[in-house]
Amino acid sequence: ADYRKNIMFLEMLNLKPEDTAVYYCNAILRGVEYWGQG
C-alpha cells in the first residue's frame, strides 16, 4: 500500500491460467464492508 496516495496494490508474478478471475479489493470501515467494482 502507498499510504500517501491511498492506493493498495497487488503485484502478481508467474501468473497461471488458474489465476484467471475477477479481482476485487475490499475494506471495512466502522462496521461497513466496501467492495470495488472488480
All heavy atoms as atom14 arrays in JSON, in Angstrom:
{
  "sequence": "ADYRKNIMFLEMLNLKPEDTAVYYCNAILRGVEYWGQG",
  "atom14_mask": [
    [1, 1, 1, 1, 1, 0, 0, 0, 0, 0, 0, 0, 0, 0],
    [1, 1, 1, 1, 1, 1, 1, 1, 0, 0, 0, 0, 0, 0],
    [1, 1, 1, 1, 1, 1, 1, 1, 1, 1, 1, 1, 0, 0],
    [1, 1, 1, 1, 1, 1, 1, 1, 1, 1, 1, 0, 0, 0],
    [1, 1, 1, 1, 1, 1, 1, 1, 1, 0, 0, 0, 0, 0],
    [1, 1, 1, 1, 1, 1, 1, 1, 0, 0, 0, 0, 0, 0],
    [1, 1, 1, 1, 1, 1, 1, 1, 0, 0, 0, 0, 0, 0],
    [1, 1, 1, 1, 1, 1, 1, 1, 0, 0, 0, 0, 0, 0],
    [1, 1, 1, 1, 1, 1, 1, 1, 1, 1, 1, 0, 0, 0],
    [1, 1, 1, 1, 1, 1, 1, 1, 0, 0, 0, 0, 0, 0],
    [1, 1, 1, 1, 1, 1, 1, 1, 1, 0, 0, 0, 0, 0],
    [1, 1, 1, 1, 1, 1, 1, 1, 0, 0, 0, 0, 0, 0],
    [1, 1, 1, 1, 1, 1, 1, 1, 0, 0, 0, 0, 0, 0],
    [1, 1, 1, 1, 1, 1, 1, 1, 0, 0, 0, 0, 0, 0],
    [1, 1, 1, 1, 1, 1, 1, 1, 0, 0, 0, 0, 0, 0],
    [1, 1, 1, 1, 1, 1, 1, 1, 1, 0, 0, 0, 0, 0],
    [1, 1, 1, 1, 1, 1, 1, 0, 0, 0, 0, 0, 0, 0],
    [1, 1, 1, 1, 1, 1, 1, 1, 1, 0, 0, 0, 0, 0],
    [1, 1, 1, 1, 1, 1, 1, 1, 0, 0, 0, 0, 0, 0],
    [1, 1, 1, 1, 1, 1, 1, 0, 0, 0, 0, 0, 0, 0],
    [1, 1, 1, 1, 1, 0, 0, 0, 0, 0, 0, 0, 0, 0],
    [1, 1, 1, 1, 1, 1, 1, 0, 0, 0, 0, 0, 0, 0],
    [1, 1, 1, 1, 1, 1, 1, 1, 1, 1, 1, 1, 0, 0],
    [1, 1, 1, 1, 1, 1, 1, 1, 1, 1, 1, 1, 0, 0],
    [1, 1, 1, 1, 1, 1, 0, 0, 0, 0, 0, 0, 0, 0],
    [1, 1, 1, 1, 1, 1, 1, 1, 0, 0, 0, 0, 0, 0],
    [1, 1, 1, 1, 1, 0, 0, 0, 0, 0, 0, 0, 0, 0],
    [1, 1, 1, 1, 1, 1, 1, 1, 0, 0, 0, 0, 0, 0],
    [1, 1, 1, 1, 1, 1, 1, 1, 0, 0, 0, 0, 0, 0],
    [1, 1, 1, 1, 1, 1, 1, 1, 1, 1, 1, 0, 0, 0],
    [1, 1, 1, 1, 0, 0, 0, 0, 0, 0, 0, 0, 0, 0],
    [1, 1, 1, 1, 1, 1, 1, 0, 0, 0, 0, 0, 0, 0],
    [1, 1, 1, 1, 1, 1, 1, 1, 1, 0, 0, 0, 0, 0],
    [1, 1, 1, 1, 1, 1, 1, 1, 1, 1, 1, 1, 0, 0],
    [1, 1, 1, 1, 1, 1, 1, 1, 1, 1, 1, 1, 1, 1],
    [1, 1, 1, 1, 0, 0, 0, 0, 0, 0, 0, 0, 0, 0],
    [1, 1, 1, 1, 1, 1, 1, 1, 1, 0, 0, 0, 0, 0],
    [1, 1, 1, 1, 0, 0, 0, 0, 0, 0, 0, 0, 0, 0]
  ],
  "atom14_positions": [
    [[0.84, -1.2, 0.0], [0.0, 0.0, 0.0], [0.87, 1.24, 0.0], [1.95, 1.26, 0.61], [-0.93, 0.0, 1.22], [0.0, 0.0, 0.0], [0.0, 0.0, 0.0], [0.0, 0.0, 0.0], [0.0, 0.0, 0.0], [0.0, 0.0, 0.0], [0.0, 0.0, 0.0], [0.0, 0.0, 0.0], [0.0, 0.0, 0.0], [0.0, 0.0, 0.0]],
    [[0.39, 2.26, -0.69], [1.02, 3.58, -0.65], [0.09, 4.47, 0.15], [-0.94, 4.91, -0.34], [1.19, 4.11, -2.08], [1.93, 5.44, -2.12], [1.82, 6.2, -1.12], [2.59, 5.72, -3.12], [0.0, 0.0, 0.0], [0.0, 0.0, 0.0], [0.0, 0.0, 0.0], [0.0, 0.0, 0.0], [0.0, 0.0, 0.0], [0.0, 0.0, 0.0]],
    [[0.45, 4.71, 1.41], [-0.44, 5.42, 2.31], [-0.52, 6.91, 2.01], [-1.45, 7.58, 2.43], [-0.03, 5.16, 3.75], [-0.25, 3.73, 4.14], [0.81, 2.82, 4.16], [-1.52, 3.25, 4.44], [0.61, 1.49, 4.47], [-1.73, 1.92, 4.76], [-0.66, 1.05, 4.77], [-0.87, -0.27, 5.07], [0.0, 0.0, 0.0], [0.0, 0.0, 0.0]],
    [[0.43, 7.44, 1.27], [0.35, 8.85, 0.89], [-0.66, 9.05, -0.22], [-1.34, 10.08, -0.31], [1.72, 9.36, 0.44], [2.75, 9.44, 1.57], [4.11, 9.8, 1.02], [4.56, 8.79, 0.05], [5.64, 8.92, -0.71], [6.38, 9.99, -0.64], [5.98, 7.95, -1.54], [0.0, 0.0, 0.0], [0.0, 0.0, 0.0], [0.0, 0.0, 0.0]],
    [[-0.75, 8.05, -1.12], [-1.64, 8.16, -2.27], [-2.95, 7.41, -2.08], [-3.8, 7.42, -2.96], [-0.93, 7.65, -3.52], [0.3, 8.46, -3.89], [0.94, 7.93, -5.17], [2.15, 8.77, -5.56], [2.82, 8.25, -6.78], [0.0, 0.0, 0.0], [0.0, 0.0, 0.0], [0.0, 0.0, 0.0], [0.0, 0.0, 0.0], [0.0, 0.0, 0.0]],
    [[-3.09, 6.73, -0.93], [-4.32, 5.98, -0.64], [-4.6, 4.91, -1.69], [-5.73, 4.78, -2.21], [-5.52, 6.92, -0.5], [-5.36, 7.86, 0.67], [-4.8, 7.48, 1.69], [-5.83, 9.07, 0.51], [0.0, 0.0, 0.0], [0.0, 0.0, 0.0], [0.0, 0.0, 0.0], [0.0, 0.0, 0.0], [0.0, 0.0, 0.0], [0.0, 0.0, 0.0]],
    [[-3.58, 4.14, -2.03], [-3.7, 3.08, -3.02], [-3.15, 1.79, -2.44], [-2.09, 1.78, -1.8], [-2.93, 3.42, -4.32], [-3.45, 4.72, -4.94], [-3.08, 2.28, -5.32], [-2.68, 5.15, -6.16], [0.0, 0.0, 0.0], [0.0, 0.0, 0.0], [0.0, 0.0, 0.0], [0.0, 0.0, 0.0], [0.0, 0.0, 0.0], [0.0, 0.0, 0.0]],
    [[-3.87, 0.7, -2.69], [-3.39, -0.62, -2.36], [-3.03, -1.33, -3.67], [-3.69, -1.11, -4.7], [-4.48, -1.41, -1.63], [-4.09, -2.84, -1.3], [-5.33, -3.75, -0.36], [-6.71, -3.84, -1.49], [0.0, 0.0, 0.0], [0.0, 0.0, 0.0], [0.0, 0.0, 0.0], [0.0, 0.0, 0.0], [0.0, 0.0, 0.0], [0.0, 0.0, 0.0]],
    [[-2.0, -2.17, -3.62], [-1.52, -2.85, -4.81], [-1.56, -4.36, -4.61], [-1.48, -4.86, -3.49], [-0.09, -2.44, -5.13], [0.09, -0.98, -5.38], [0.6, -0.16, -4.37], [-0.23, -0.41, -6.59], [0.78, 1.2, -4.59], [-0.06, 0.95, -6.82], [0.45, 1.75, -5.81], [0.0, 0.0, 0.0], [0.0, 0.0, 0.0], [0.0, 0.0, 0.0]],
    [[-1.61, -5.05, -5.73], [-1.38, -6.49, -5.74], [-0.49, -6.79, -6.95], [-0.95, -6.73, -8.09], [-2.68, -7.29, -5.83], [-2.5, -8.81, -5.73], [-2.03, -9.2, -4.32], [-3.8, -9.54, -6.08], [0.0, 0.0, 0.0], [0.0, 0.0, 0.0], [0.0, 0.0, 0.0], [0.0, 0.0, 0.0], [0.0, 0.0, 0.0], [0.0, 0.0, 0.0]],
    [[0.78, -7.06, -6.66], [1.7, -7.44, -7.72], [1.63, -8.94, -7.9], [1.81, -9.69, -6.95], [3.12, -7.0, -7.4], [4.09, -7.26, -8.55], [5.45, -6.63, -8.31], [5.77, -6.35, -7.15], [6.18, -6.43, -9.29], [0.0, 0.0, 0.0], [0.0, 0.0, 0.0], [0.0, 0.0, 0.0], [0.0, 0.0, 0.0], [0.0, 0.0, 0.0]],
    [[1.38, -9.35, -9.14], [1.17, -10.77, -9.43], [2.24, -11.24, -10.41], [2.3, -10.74, -11.55], [-0.23, -10.98, -10.01], [-1.34, -10.43, -9.12], [-3.0, -10.76, -9.74], [-3.0, -9.75, -11.21], [0.0, 0.0, 0.0], [0.0, 0.0, 0.0], [0.0, 0.0, 0.0], [0.0, 0.0, 0.0], [0.0, 0.0, 0.0], [0.0, 0.0, 0.0]],
    [[3.06, -12.15, -9.95], [4.15, -12.68, -10.77], [3.86, -14.14, -11.11], [3.11, -14.82, -10.41], [5.47, -12.58, -10.0], [5.83, -11.21, -9.45], [7.14, -11.3, -8.67], [5.93, -10.17, -10.54], [0.0, 0.0, 0.0], [0.0, 0.0, 0.0], [0.0, 0.0, 0.0], [0.0, 0.0, 0.0], [0.0, 0.0, 0.0], [0.0, 0.0, 0.0]],
    [[4.53, -14.62, -12.17], [4.38, -16.02, -12.58], [2.91, -16.44, -12.62], [2.52, -17.45, -12.03], [5.17, -16.92, -11.63], [5.28, -18.34, -12.12], [5.14, -18.6, -13.32], [5.51, -19.28, -11.21], [0.0, 0.0, 0.0], [0.0, 0.0, 0.0], [0.0, 0.0, 0.0], [0.0, 0.0, 0.0], [0.0, 0.0, 0.0], [0.0, 0.0, 0.0]],
    [[2.12, -15.66, -13.31], [0.69, -15.94, -13.38], [0.42, -17.24, -14.11], [1.13, -17.61, -15.05], [-0.04, -14.79, -14.05], [-0.25, -13.56, -13.17], [-0.49, -12.32, -13.99], [-1.4, -13.81, -12.21], [0.0, 0.0, 0.0], [0.0, 0.0, 0.0], [0.0, 0.0, 0.0], [0.0, 0.0, 0.0], [0.0, 0.0, 0.0], [0.0, 0.0, 0.0]],
    [[-0.64, -17.93, -13.66], [-1.04, -19.2, -14.22], [-2.47, -19.08, -14.75], [-3.24, -18.24, -14.28], [-0.98, -20.28, -13.15], [0.35, -20.39, -12.45], [0.28, -21.4, -11.31], [1.6, -21.47, -10.57], [1.56, -22.44, -9.45], [0.0, 0.0, 0.0], [0.0, 0.0, 0.0], [0.0, 0.0, 0.0], [0.0, 0.0, 0.0], [0.0, 0.0, 0.0]],
    [[-2.86, -19.94, -15.67], [-4.24, -19.89, -16.17], [-5.28, -19.99, -15.06], [-6.34, -19.35, -15.15], [-4.31, -21.09, -17.11], [-2.91, -21.23, -17.62], [-2.04, -20.88, -16.46], [0.0, 0.0, 0.0], [0.0, 0.0, 0.0], [0.0, 0.0, 0.0], [0.0, 0.0, 0.0], [0.0, 0.0, 0.0], [0.0, 0.0, 0.0], [0.0, 0.0, 0.0]],
    [[-4.98, -20.72, -14.0], [-5.93, -20.84, -12.89], [-6.06, -19.57, -12.06], [-6.9, -19.49, -11.18], [-5.57, -22.02, -11.99], [-4.14, -22.04, -11.5], [-3.24, -22.92, -12.36], [-3.37, -22.87, -13.61], [-2.39, -23.62, -11.77], [0.0, 0.0, 0.0], [0.0, 0.0, 0.0], [0.0, 0.0, 0.0], [0.0, 0.0, 0.0], [0.0, 0.0, 0.0]],
    [[-5.22, -18.57, -12.34], [-5.38, -17.26, -11.69], [-6.41, -16.4, -12.4], [-6.73, -15.3, -11.93], [-4.04, -16.52, -11.66], [-3.0, -17.2, -10.79], [-3.36, -17.64, -9.68], [-1.84, -17.28, -11.22], [0.0, 0.0, 0.0], [0.0, 0.0, 0.0], [0.0, 0.0, 0.0], [0.0, 0.0, 0.0], [0.0, 0.0, 0.0], [0.0, 0.0, 0.0]],
    [[-6.92, -16.87, -13.53], [-7.94, -16.12, -14.26], [-9.17, -15.93, -13.38], [-9.73, -16.89, -12.86], [-8.32, -16.85, -15.55], [-7.19, -16.86, -16.43], [-9.49, -16.17, -16.25], [0.0, 0.0, 0.0], [0.0, 0.0, 0.0], [0.0, 0.0, 0.0], [0.0, 0.0, 0.0], [0.0, 0.0, 0.0], [0.0, 0.0, 0.0], [0.0, 0.0, 0.0]],
    [[-9.56, -14.67, -13.2], [-10.68, -14.35, -12.32], [-10.95, -12.84, -12.38], [-10.15, -12.09, -12.94], [-10.37, -14.75, -10.88], [0.0, 0.0, 0.0], [0.0, 0.0, 0.0], [0.0, 0.0, 0.0], [0.0, 0.0, 0.0], [0.0, 0.0, 0.0], [0.0, 0.0, 0.0], [0.0, 0.0, 0.0], [0.0, 0.0, 0.0], [0.0, 0.0, 0.0]],
    [[-12.05, -12.45, -11.77], [-12.28, -11.03, -11.48], [-11.72, -10.78, -10.09], [-12.05, -11.5, -9.14], [-13.77, -10.67, -11.55], [-13.97, -9.21, -11.17], [-14.33, -10.95, -12.94], [0.0, 0.0, 0.0], [0.0, 0.0, 0.0], [0.0, 0.0, 0.0], [0.0, 0.0, 0.0], [0.0, 0.0, 0.0], [0.0, 0.0, 0.0], [0.0, 0.0, 0.0]],
    [[-10.88, -9.78, -9.99], [-10.23, -9.45, -8.73], [-10.91, -8.23, -8.1], [-11.17, -7.23, -8.8], [-8.74, -9.19, -8.96], [-7.96, -10.46, -9.18], [-8.09, -11.19, -10.35], [-7.11, -10.96, -8.19], [-7.4, -12.37, -10.55], [-6.4, -12.14, -8.37], [-6.56, -12.84, -9.55], [-5.87, -14.03, -9.74], [0.0, 0.0, 0.0], [0.0, 0.0, 0.0]],
    [[-11.14, -8.31, -6.79], [-11.84, -7.26, -6.06], [-11.01, -6.78, -4.87], [-10.42, -7.6, -4.16], [-13.15, -7.79, -5.49], [-14.15, -8.27, -6.51], [-14.14, -9.6, -6.95], [-15.13, -7.42, -7.01], [-15.07, -10.05, -7.87], [-16.07, -7.87, -7.94], [-16.02, -9.18, -8.36], [-16.96, -9.62, -9.27], [0.0, 0.0, 0.0], [0.0, 0.0, 0.0]],
    [[-10.99, -5.49, -4.64], [-10.44, -5.02, -3.38], [-11.58, -4.8, -2.38], [-12.73, -4.58, -2.77], [-9.58, -3.77, -3.54], [-10.4, -2.33, -4.21], [0.0, 0.0, 0.0], [0.0, 0.0, 0.0], [0.0, 0.0, 0.0], [0.0, 0.0, 0.0], [0.0, 0.0, 0.0], [0.0, 0.0, 0.0], [0.0, 0.0, 0.0], [0.0, 0.0, 0.0]],
    [[-11.23, -4.88, -1.12], [-12.22, -4.92, -0.05], [-11.66, -4.23, 1.17], [-10.47, -4.34, 1.48], [-12.55, -6.39, 0.26], [-13.34, -6.58, 1.53], [-12.78, -6.54, 2.63], [-14.63, -6.81, 1.39], [0.0, 0.0, 0.0], [0.0, 0.0, 0.0], [0.0, 0.0, 0.0], [0.0, 0.0, 0.0], [0.0, 0.0, 0.0], [0.0, 0.0, 0.0]],
    [[-12.53, -3.52, 1.87], [-12.13, -2.89, 3.13], [-13.37, -2.71, 4.0], [-14.49, -2.61, 3.48], [-11.46, -1.55, 2.88], [0.0, 0.0, 0.0], [0.0, 0.0, 0.0], [0.0, 0.0, 0.0], [0.0, 0.0, 0.0], [0.0, 0.0, 0.0], [0.0, 0.0, 0.0], [0.0, 0.0, 0.0], [0.0, 0.0, 0.0], [0.0, 0.0, 0.0]],
    [[-13.14, -2.67, 5.3], [-14.23, -2.45, 6.25], [-13.93, -1.19, 7.03], [-12.83, -1.01, 7.55], [-14.38, -3.65, 7.21], [-14.77, -4.91, 6.4], [-15.44, -3.36, 8.26], [-14.83, -6.16, 7.24], [0.0, 0.0, 0.0], [0.0, 0.0, 0.0], [0.0, 0.0, 0.0], [0.0, 0.0, 0.0], [0.0, 0.0, 0.0], [0.0, 0.0, 0.0]],
    [[-14.93, -0.32, 7.13], [-14.79, 0.93, 7.87], [-16.01, 1.1, 8.76], [-17.14, 1.13, 8.27], [-14.66, 2.11, 6.9], [-14.52, 3.49, 7.55], [-13.24, 3.55, 8.37], [-14.52, 4.58, 6.49], [0.0, 0.0, 0.0], [0.0, 0.0, 0.0], [0.0, 0.0, 0.0], [0.0, 0.0, 0.0], [0.0, 0.0, 0.0], [0.0, 0.0, 0.0]],
    [[-15.76, 1.18, 10.03], [-16.83, 1.35, 11.03], [-17.95, 0.34, 10.81], [-19.14, 0.7, 10.82], [-17.36, 2.79, 11.0], [-16.33, 3.8, 11.49], [-16.95, 5.19, 11.68], [-17.15, 5.88, 10.41], [-16.23, 6.63, 9.83], [-15.03, 6.76, 10.38], [-16.49, 7.25, 8.7], [0.0, 0.0, 0.0], [0.0, 0.0, 0.0], [0.0, 0.0, 0.0]],
    [[-17.56, -0.9, 10.6], [-18.53, -1.99, 10.5], [-19.19, -2.14, 9.16], [-20.01, -3.05, 8.97], [0.0, 0.0, 0.0], [0.0, 0.0, 0.0], [0.0, 0.0, 0.0], [0.0, 0.0, 0.0], [0.0, 0.0, 0.0], [0.0, 0.0, 0.0], [0.0, 0.0, 0.0], [0.0, 0.0, 0.0], [0.0, 0.0, 0.0], [0.0, 0.0, 0.0]],
    [[-18.87, -1.28, 8.22], [-19.46, -1.37, 6.88], [-18.41, -1.9, 5.91], [-17.28, -1.4, 5.88], [-19.97, 0.0, 6.4], [-20.54, -0.11, 4.99], [-21.01, 0.55, 7.37], [0.0, 0.0, 0.0], [0.0, 0.0, 0.0], [0.0, 0.0, 0.0], [0.0, 0.0, 0.0], [0.0, 0.0, 0.0], [0.0, 0.0, 0.0], [0.0, 0.0, 0.0]],
    [[-18.78, -2.91, 5.14], [-17.87, -3.53, 4.2], [-18.01, -2.89, 2.83], [-19.13, -2.71, 2.32], [-18.14, -5.03, 4.11], [-17.1, -5.81, 3.32], [-17.29, -7.31, 3.45], [-18.45, -7.74, 3.56], [-16.28, -8.04, 3.44], [0.0, 0.0, 0.0], [0.0, 0.0, 0.0], [0.0, 0.0, 0.0], [0.0, 0.0, 0.0], [0.0, 0.0, 0.0]],
    [[-16.89, -2.55, 2.23], [-16.89, -1.91, 0.92], [-16.13, -2.78, -0.08], [-15.12, -3.41, 0.27], [-16.23, -0.53, 0.99], [-16.98, 0.43, 1.87], [-16.65, 0.59, 3.21], [-18.04, 1.18, 1.36], [-17.35, 1.46, 4.02], [-18.74, 2.06, 2.17], [-18.39, 2.19, 3.49], [-19.1, 3.05, 4.29], [0.0, 0.0, 0.0], [0.0, 0.0, 0.0]],
    [[-16.64, -2.78, -1.31], [-16.03, -3.54, -2.4], [-15.79, -2.64, -3.59], [-16.57, -1.72, -3.87], [-16.96, -4.68, -2.85], [-17.17, -5.75, -1.84], [-18.13, -5.8, -0.87], [-16.39, -6.95, -1.7], [-18.0, -6.96, -0.15], [-16.95, -7.68, -0.63], [-15.29, -7.47, -2.37], [-16.43, -8.91, -0.21], [-14.79, -8.69, -1.96], [-15.35, -9.39, -0.9]],
    [[-14.7, -2.93, -4.31], [-14.53, -2.31, -5.6], [-15.43, -2.98, -6.62], [-16.1, -3.97, -6.33], [0.0, 0.0, 0.0], [0.0, 0.0, 0.0], [0.0, 0.0, 0.0], [0.0, 0.0, 0.0], [0.0, 0.0, 0.0], [0.0, 0.0, 0.0], [0.0, 0.0, 0.0], [0.0, 0.0, 0.0], [0.0, 0.0, 0.0], [0.0, 0.0, 0.0]],
    [[-15.42, -2.46, -7.82], [-16.3, -2.99, -8.87], [-15.74, -4.27, -9.48], [-16.45, -4.98, -10.18], [-16.51, -1.92, -9.97], [-15.39, -1.81, -11.0], [-14.16, -1.09, -10.5], [-14.1, -0.63, -9.35], [-13.16, -0.97, -11.37], [0.0, 0.0, 0.0], [0.0, 0.0, 0.0], [0.0, 0.0, 0.0], [0.0, 0.0, 0.0], [0.0, 0.0, 0.0]],
    [[-14.47, -4.54, -9.22], [-13.84, -5.73, -9.77], [-13.13, -5.44, -11.07], [-13.53, -4.55, -11.83], [0.0, 0.0, 0.0], [0.0, 0.0, 0.0], [0.0, 0.0, 0.0], [0.0, 0.0, 0.0], [0.0, 0.0, 0.0], [0.0, 0.0, 0.0], [0.0, 0.0, 0.0], [0.0, 0.0, 0.0], [0.0, 0.0, 0.0], [0.0, 0.0, 0.0]]
  ]
}
